[in-house]
Amino acid sequence: MNTTTDKKPRLTTSAMIASIAGEGQRVKAAPFGKALVELARERPDIVGMTADLAKYTDLHLFAQAYPERFFQMGMAEQLLMGAAGGMAKEGFIPFATTYAVFGTRRAYDFVHQVIAEEKLNVKMCCALPGLTTGYGPSHQATEDLAMMRGIPGMTIIDPCDALDIEQAVPQIAAHPGPVYMRLLRGSVPLVLDEYDYKFELGKAKLLRDGKDVLIIASGFMTMRSLEVAKQLRADNVDVAVLHVPTIKPLDEATILSEVKRSDRVVVAAENHSVIGGLGEALASLLLRSGVTPTFRHVALPDAFLDAGALPTLHDRYGISATTMAERIRAWI
């Protein structure tokens, strides 16, 4: 008897920093950098600032286009946020970029005291959110939403794809006050254009309807949720996907309206710790409103995560489309 075993290809070190795009998926290169360059043509008050990470946050495109409006602050994230606050006080709109772990954990007091307390017009755009790098806890910003949600007056954006980012940039520039946006960089998937989608600050959008399960998702987990919906269709499971790109302020009216519509299993899906992110915000909203559906949560564990190849880690921690689909099958 002849048997064969299909083996997955061995993943190389490059998979630790690979794009989250699947094989054959459409992508756009550097949507944040290109959108900021385009907006800055009409907005001379926009400046770009970074902490030695222009190339790795796509801000190098802005630096090339407007060198006189670009400020390299070196490996000093506290200085970056403090200087960004000073720029805002002088009437500029600083877009400050770094990695999410550095912009939150390392510079938190400066964000809190210099920027947020004074309601300054600083836009913090931070790459490698959640589990988008395999380089271990030093670079995995799995608790950034929890930290930033706790700051009064902070607007928080968790975009799904290139289209979300492109459309969010001019809107956060026009929005008064501090903004924290999780940033997908490099080759970013493009999926939302297939769903007649337009980003609106503070608004959740129903991308597809379904009678059995309602997934409420943010960031690239919205993309994964759409993949899950297609997988579960083969099992005659009808999945709705509600995309929530604005984590704070939450679009409570739309969320409650969708949850109340029918007796569906409600699944919160996020690329963040189970502590303090979208899932807990949704659970709190539902309980405070007296709405009690069957509620489940797909998120990263309350733990320091392993280093390794991203596809392996996404499977291990339950945020790949395959593992997410398996869990939903079990729940229903």
Protein backbone atom coordinates (compact mmCIF):
# COMPACT_ATOMS: atom_id res chain seq x y z
CA MET A 1 0.00 0.00 0.00
CA ASN A 2 1.40 3.32 -1.10
CA THR A 3 0.78 6.35 1.12
CA THR A 4 2.00 9.90 0.86
CA THR A 5 1.98 12.71 3.37
CA ASP A 6 1.57 16.29 2.26
CA LYS A 7 4.09 18.37 4.14
CA LYS A 8 3.91 22.12 4.53
CA PRO A 9 6.92 23.93 3.07
CA ARG A 10 9.60 24.75 5.60
CA LEU A 11 9.27 28.38 6.62
CA THR A 12 12.35 30.58 6.53
CA THR A 13 13.36 33.38 8.87
CA SER A 14 11.80 35.88 6.47
CA ALA A 15 8.38 34.50 7.48
CA MET A 16 8.87 36.24 10.84
CA ILE A 17 8.40 39.59 9.12
CA ALA A 18 6.30 38.46 6.16
CA SER A 19 3.29 40.30 4.80
CA ILE A 20 -0.01 39.11 6.25
CA ALA A 21 -1.30 38.74 2.69
CA GLY A 22 -2.14 35.21 1.63
CA GLU A 23 -0.66 33.52 -1.42
CA GLY A 24 -2.05 35.13 -4.58
CA GLN A 25 -3.87 37.85 -2.64
CA ARG A 26 -4.00 41.35 -4.10
CA VAL A 27 -1.78 43.88 -2.32
CA LYS A 28 -0.83 47.55 -2.52
CA ALA A 29 2.61 48.80 -1.63
CA ALA A 30 3.04 51.39 1.14
CA PRO A 31 -0.55 52.74 1.22
CA PHE A 32 0.11 54.91 4.28
CA GLY A 33 3.20 56.59 2.87
CA LYS A 34 1.57 57.24 -0.49
CA ALA A 35 -1.63 58.59 1.05
CA LEU A 36 0.30 60.95 3.32
CA VAL A 37 2.39 62.26 0.40
CA GLU A 38 -0.79 62.90 -1.58
CA LEU A 39 -2.51 64.68 1.30
CA ALA A 40 0.55 66.80 2.08
CA ARG A 41 0.38 68.35 -1.40
CA GLU A 42 -2.74 70.17 -0.25
CA ARG A 43 -1.86 70.49 3.43
CA PRO A 44 1.39 72.40 4.04
CA ASP A 45 0.76 72.09 7.79
CA ILE A 46 1.43 68.34 7.73
CA VAL A 47 4.85 67.21 8.94
CA GLY A 48 6.29 63.72 9.18
CA MET A 49 8.26 62.55 12.22
CA THR A 50 9.78 59.21 13.14
CA ALA A 51 12.15 57.52 15.57
CA ASP A 52 14.68 55.99 13.18
CA LEU A 53 12.00 53.92 11.43
CA ALA A 54 11.02 55.88 8.32
CA LYS A 55 11.73 52.96 5.98
CA TYR A 56 9.88 50.50 8.19
CA THR A 57 6.75 52.64 8.56
CA ASP A 58 6.65 53.77 4.90
CA LEU A 59 7.34 57.36 5.99
CA HIS A 60 10.47 57.38 3.81
CA LEU A 61 8.18 58.27 0.89
CA PHE A 62 7.14 61.43 2.71
CA ALA A 63 10.77 62.19 3.53
CA GLN A 64 11.69 61.92 -0.14
CA ALA A 65 8.81 64.13 -1.28
CA TYR A 66 9.05 66.78 1.47
CA PRO A 67 12.52 66.67 3.07
CA GLU A 68 12.03 70.09 4.65
CA ARG A 69 8.94 68.80 6.47
CA PHE A 70 10.46 65.54 7.66
CA PHE A 71 12.07 65.18 11.09
CA GLN A 72 14.22 62.21 12.07
CA MET A 73 14.24 62.08 15.88
CA GLY A 74 16.56 59.10 16.29
CA MET A 75 15.94 56.09 18.52
CA ALA A 76 14.15 58.17 21.15
CA GLU A 77 10.41 57.58 21.18
CA GLN A 78 9.75 59.78 24.21
CA LEU A 79 11.47 62.63 22.41
CA LEU A 80 9.42 61.84 19.28
CA MET A 81 6.12 62.21 21.11
CA GLY A 82 7.23 65.25 23.06
CA ALA A 83 8.45 67.01 19.92
CA ALA A 84 5.27 66.04 18.07
CA GLY A 85 3.30 67.76 20.81
CA GLY A 86 5.43 70.85 20.36
CA MET A 87 4.83 70.83 16.61
CA ALA A 88 1.09 70.60 17.21
CA LYS A 89 1.24 73.60 19.56
CA GLU A 90 2.83 75.59 16.72
CA GLY A 91 -0.07 74.78 14.40
CA PHE A 92 1.35 71.82 12.50
CA ILE A 93 -0.27 68.40 12.14
CA PRO A 94 2.49 65.92 12.96
CA PHE A 95 2.22 62.32 11.78
CA ALA A 96 4.55 60.48 14.16
CA THR A 97 5.55 56.93 13.23
CA THR A 98 7.34 54.14 15.04
CA TYR A 99 6.62 50.55 16.03
CA ALA A 100 3.52 50.11 18.16
CA VAL A 101 5.47 48.66 21.10
CA PHE A 102 7.65 51.76 21.24
CA GLY A 103 4.89 54.29 20.61
CA THR A 104 2.80 52.85 23.46
CA ARG A 105 4.90 51.01 26.04
CA ARG A 106 8.05 53.12 25.80
CA ALA A 107 6.47 56.55 25.29
CA TYR A 108 3.19 56.13 27.18
CA ASP A 109 3.69 58.88 29.75
CA PHE A 110 4.62 61.39 27.03
CA VAL A 111 1.57 60.43 24.96
CA HIS A 112 -0.62 60.72 28.05
CA GLN A 113 0.76 63.95 29.52
CA VAL A 114 2.18 65.92 26.60
CA ILE A 115 -0.29 65.01 23.85
CA ALA A 116 -3.58 63.69 25.22
CA GLU A 117 -4.04 65.83 28.34
CA GLU A 118 -3.64 68.94 26.22
CA LYS A 119 -5.79 67.52 23.40
CA LEU A 120 -3.03 68.17 20.87
CA ASN A 121 -3.47 67.43 17.19
CA VAL A 122 -0.92 64.60 16.92
CA LYS A 123 -1.46 61.54 14.71
CA MET A 124 0.46 58.51 15.97
CA CYS A 125 0.72 55.83 13.28
CA CYS A 126 2.39 52.74 14.66
CA ALA A 127 3.49 49.64 12.77
CA LEU A 128 3.66 45.97 13.82
CA PRO A 129 0.40 45.93 15.80
CA GLY A 130 -0.60 42.75 17.62
CA LEU A 131 0.86 39.59 16.13
CA THR A 132 2.24 40.98 12.85
CA THR A 133 5.85 40.13 13.61
CA GLY A 134 7.47 36.93 14.77
CA TYR A 135 10.23 38.62 16.75
CA GLY A 136 8.73 37.90 20.14
CA PRO A 137 7.29 40.06 22.95
CA SER A 138 9.81 42.88 22.51
CA HIS A 139 8.20 43.69 19.14
CA GLN A 140 4.67 42.25 19.45
CA ALA A 141 2.25 45.00 20.47
CA THR A 142 -0.45 42.71 21.81
CA GLU A 143 -1.69 45.17 24.45
CA ASP A 144 -1.50 48.51 22.62
CA LEU A 145 -5.27 48.96 22.27
CA ALA A 146 -5.81 48.35 25.99
CA MET A 147 -3.22 50.99 26.84
CA MET A 148 -4.48 53.61 24.41
CA ARG A 149 -8.17 52.99 25.15
CA GLY A 150 -7.48 54.05 28.71
CA ILE A 151 -6.41 57.55 27.66
CA PRO A 152 -9.27 60.08 27.70
CA GLY A 153 -10.01 61.70 24.35
CA MET A 154 -7.83 59.32 22.32
CA THR A 155 -9.29 58.28 18.95
CA ILE A 156 -8.16 54.77 17.96
CA ILE A 157 -8.17 53.30 14.45
CA ASP A 158 -7.46 49.65 13.55
CA PRO A 159 -7.61 49.44 9.72
CA CYS A 160 -8.18 46.20 7.83
CA ASP A 161 -6.36 46.74 4.56
CA ALA A 162 -4.77 49.18 2.11
CA LEU A 163 -8.07 50.83 1.22
CA ASP A 164 -8.89 51.45 4.88
CA ILE A 165 -5.48 53.06 5.43
CA GLU A 166 -5.64 55.24 2.30
CA GLN A 167 -9.06 56.58 3.21
CA ALA A 168 -8.31 56.94 6.92
CA VAL A 169 -5.26 59.21 6.47
CA PRO A 170 -7.10 62.36 5.31
CA GLN A 171 -9.90 61.80 7.81
CA ILE A 172 -7.63 61.50 10.83
CA ALA A 173 -5.75 64.59 9.62
CA ALA A 174 -9.05 66.50 9.55
CA HIS A 175 -10.12 65.18 12.96
CA PRO A 176 -9.18 67.52 15.84
CA GLY A 177 -7.23 65.95 18.66
CA PRO A 178 -4.92 62.98 19.20
CA VAL A 179 -5.27 59.82 17.09
CA TYR A 180 -3.61 56.45 17.46
CA MET A 181 -3.72 54.35 14.29
CA ARG A 182 -2.39 50.83 14.01
CA LEU A 183 -0.35 50.70 10.84
CA LEU A 184 0.01 47.91 8.29
CA ARG A 185 3.09 48.60 6.16
CA GLY A 186 4.88 47.27 3.11
CA SER A 187 2.76 45.06 0.86
CA VAL A 188 -0.68 45.45 2.42
CA PRO A 189 -3.65 43.27 1.39
CA LEU A 190 -6.48 44.86 -0.57
CA VAL A 191 -9.88 43.29 0.12
CA LEU A 192 -12.47 45.89 1.10
CA ASP A 193 -12.88 47.32 -2.39
CA GLU A 194 -14.87 44.18 -3.22
CA TYR A 195 -17.54 45.15 -0.66
CA ASP A 196 -18.49 48.69 -1.76
CA TYR A 197 -16.71 49.93 1.35
CA LYS A 198 -15.75 53.45 2.37
CA PHE A 199 -13.95 54.31 5.59
CA GLU A 200 -15.83 56.72 7.86
CA LEU A 201 -14.21 57.78 11.09
CA GLY A 202 -16.26 56.47 14.01
CA LYS A 203 -18.43 54.17 11.89
CA ALA A 204 -18.76 50.39 11.71
CA LYS A 205 -19.75 48.84 8.37
CA LEU A 206 -21.58 45.60 7.62
CA LEU A 207 -19.59 43.96 4.83
CA ARG A 208 -21.74 40.87 4.41
CA ASP A 209 -24.94 39.60 6.03
CA GLY A 210 -25.68 36.15 7.45
CA LYS A 211 -28.29 34.47 9.63
CA ASP A 212 -26.20 32.10 11.79
CA VAL A 213 -23.14 33.99 13.05
CA LEU A 214 -22.24 37.66 13.39
CA ILE A 215 -18.48 38.32 13.50
CA ILE A 216 -17.57 41.79 14.76
CA ALA A 217 -13.95 42.38 13.79
CA SER A 218 -11.23 44.99 13.46
CA GLY A 219 -7.86 45.20 11.74
CA PHE A 220 -6.73 42.32 9.57
CA MET A 221 -9.07 40.04 11.50
CA THR A 222 -11.85 41.51 9.38
CA MET A 223 -10.03 40.09 6.36
CA ARG A 224 -9.72 36.75 8.15
CA SER A 225 -13.41 36.86 9.06
CA LEU A 226 -14.35 37.26 5.41
CA GLU A 227 -12.20 34.22 4.61
CA VAL A 228 -13.93 32.29 7.40
CA ALA A 229 -17.34 33.22 6.03
CA LYS A 230 -16.39 31.69 2.69
CA GLN A 231 -15.04 28.53 4.35
CA LEU A 232 -18.15 28.02 6.48
CA ARG A 233 -20.47 28.48 3.53
CA ALA A 234 -19.50 24.93 2.50
CA ASP A 235 -20.97 23.74 5.83
CA ASN A 236 -24.19 25.73 5.23
CA VAL A 237 -23.22 28.16 7.98
CA ASP A 238 -24.21 31.71 7.07
CA VAL A 239 -21.79 34.30 8.50
CA ALA A 240 -22.22 38.07 8.71
CA VAL A 241 -19.15 40.29 9.09
CA LEU A 242 -19.29 43.72 10.75
CA HIS A 243 -16.05 45.70 10.35
CA VAL A 244 -15.19 48.07 13.22
CA PRO A 245 -12.19 50.16 12.13
CA THR A 246 -12.71 52.76 14.87
CA ILE A 247 -12.12 51.17 18.26
CA LYS A 248 -12.65 54.44 20.15
CA PRO A 249 -15.16 56.01 19.97
CA LEU A 250 -17.08 52.81 19.31
CA ASP A 251 -20.03 52.91 16.90
CA GLU A 252 -22.43 51.68 19.57
CA ALA A 253 -25.62 52.32 17.60
CA THR A 254 -24.61 50.20 14.60
CA ILE A 255 -23.22 47.40 16.77
CA LEU A 256 -26.34 47.17 18.93
CA SER A 257 -28.60 47.32 15.88
CA GLU A 258 -26.81 44.38 14.26
CA VAL A 259 -26.65 42.29 17.43
CA LYS A 260 -30.37 42.81 18.14
CA ARG A 261 -31.49 41.87 14.62
CA SER A 262 -31.59 38.12 15.10
CA ASP A 263 -30.59 35.28 17.39
CA ARG A 264 -27.05 34.79 16.08
CA VAL A 265 -23.86 33.72 17.78
CA VAL A 266 -21.81 36.91 18.15
CA VAL A 267 -18.05 36.52 17.75
CA ALA A 268 -15.59 39.31 18.48
CA ALA A 269 -12.39 38.91 16.45
CA GLU A 270 -9.25 40.96 16.97
CA ASN A 271 -5.48 40.90 16.60
CA HIS A 272 -4.93 41.84 20.23
CA SER A 273 -4.85 40.36 23.69
CA VAL A 274 -8.13 39.14 25.19
CA ILE A 275 -7.53 41.87 27.77
CA GLY A 276 -8.73 45.40 27.07
CA GLY A 277 -9.33 45.45 23.32
CA LEU A 278 -12.33 45.31 20.99
CA GLY A 279 -13.78 42.16 22.57
CA GLU A 280 -13.97 43.61 26.06
CA ALA A 281 -15.33 46.89 24.69
CA LEU A 282 -18.10 44.96 22.91
CA ALA A 283 -18.89 42.80 25.94
CA SER A 284 -19.15 45.88 28.13
CA LEU A 285 -21.42 47.63 25.63
CA LEU A 286 -23.74 44.63 25.33
CA LEU A 287 -24.06 44.12 29.09
CA ARG A 288 -24.61 47.82 29.79
CA SER A 289 -27.34 47.81 27.13
CA GLY A 290 -29.06 44.72 28.44
CA VAL A 291 -28.31 42.77 25.27
CA THR A 292 -27.13 39.21 25.98
CA PRO A 293 -26.47 37.10 22.87
CA THR A 294 -24.29 34.01 22.85
CA PHE A 295 -20.93 35.79 22.84
CA ARG A 296 -17.53 34.35 21.92
CA HIS A 297 -14.10 35.91 21.52
CA VAL A 298 -11.26 35.23 19.05
CA ALA A 299 -8.15 37.02 20.26
CA LEU A 300 -4.59 36.51 21.41
CA PRO A 301 -4.03 34.99 24.86
CA ASP A 302 -3.07 36.97 27.93
CA ALA A 303 0.53 35.82 27.63
CA PHE A 304 3.94 36.70 26.25
CA LEU A 305 3.84 35.11 22.81
CA ASP A 306 6.46 32.98 21.12
CA ALA A 307 8.87 34.05 18.41
CA GLY A 308 8.64 32.29 15.07
CA ALA A 309 7.14 32.34 11.60
CA LEU A 310 3.89 34.29 11.41
CA PRO A 311 1.78 31.55 9.76
CA THR A 312 2.80 29.14 12.50
CA LEU A 313 2.06 31.64 15.26
CA HIS A 314 -1.31 32.60 13.78
CA ASP A 315 -2.31 28.94 13.80
CA ARG A 316 -0.93 28.43 17.30
CA TYR A 317 -2.79 31.37 18.79
CA GLY A 318 -6.05 30.87 16.94
CA ILE A 319 -6.18 33.90 14.62
CA SER A 320 -5.63 32.16 11.28
CA ALA A 321 -8.72 31.69 9.12
CA THR A 322 -8.50 27.90 9.45
CA THR A 323 -8.31 27.79 13.24
CA MET A 324 -10.95 30.50 13.58
CA ALA A 325 -13.34 28.53 11.35
CA GLU A 326 -12.77 25.40 13.44
CA ARG A 327 -13.62 27.24 16.63
CA ILE A 328 -16.81 28.72 15.20
CA ARG A 329 -17.93 25.29 13.99
CA ALA A 330 -17.53 24.02 17.54
CA TRP A 331 -19.40 26.96 19.04
CA ILE A 332 -22.48 26.51 16.86
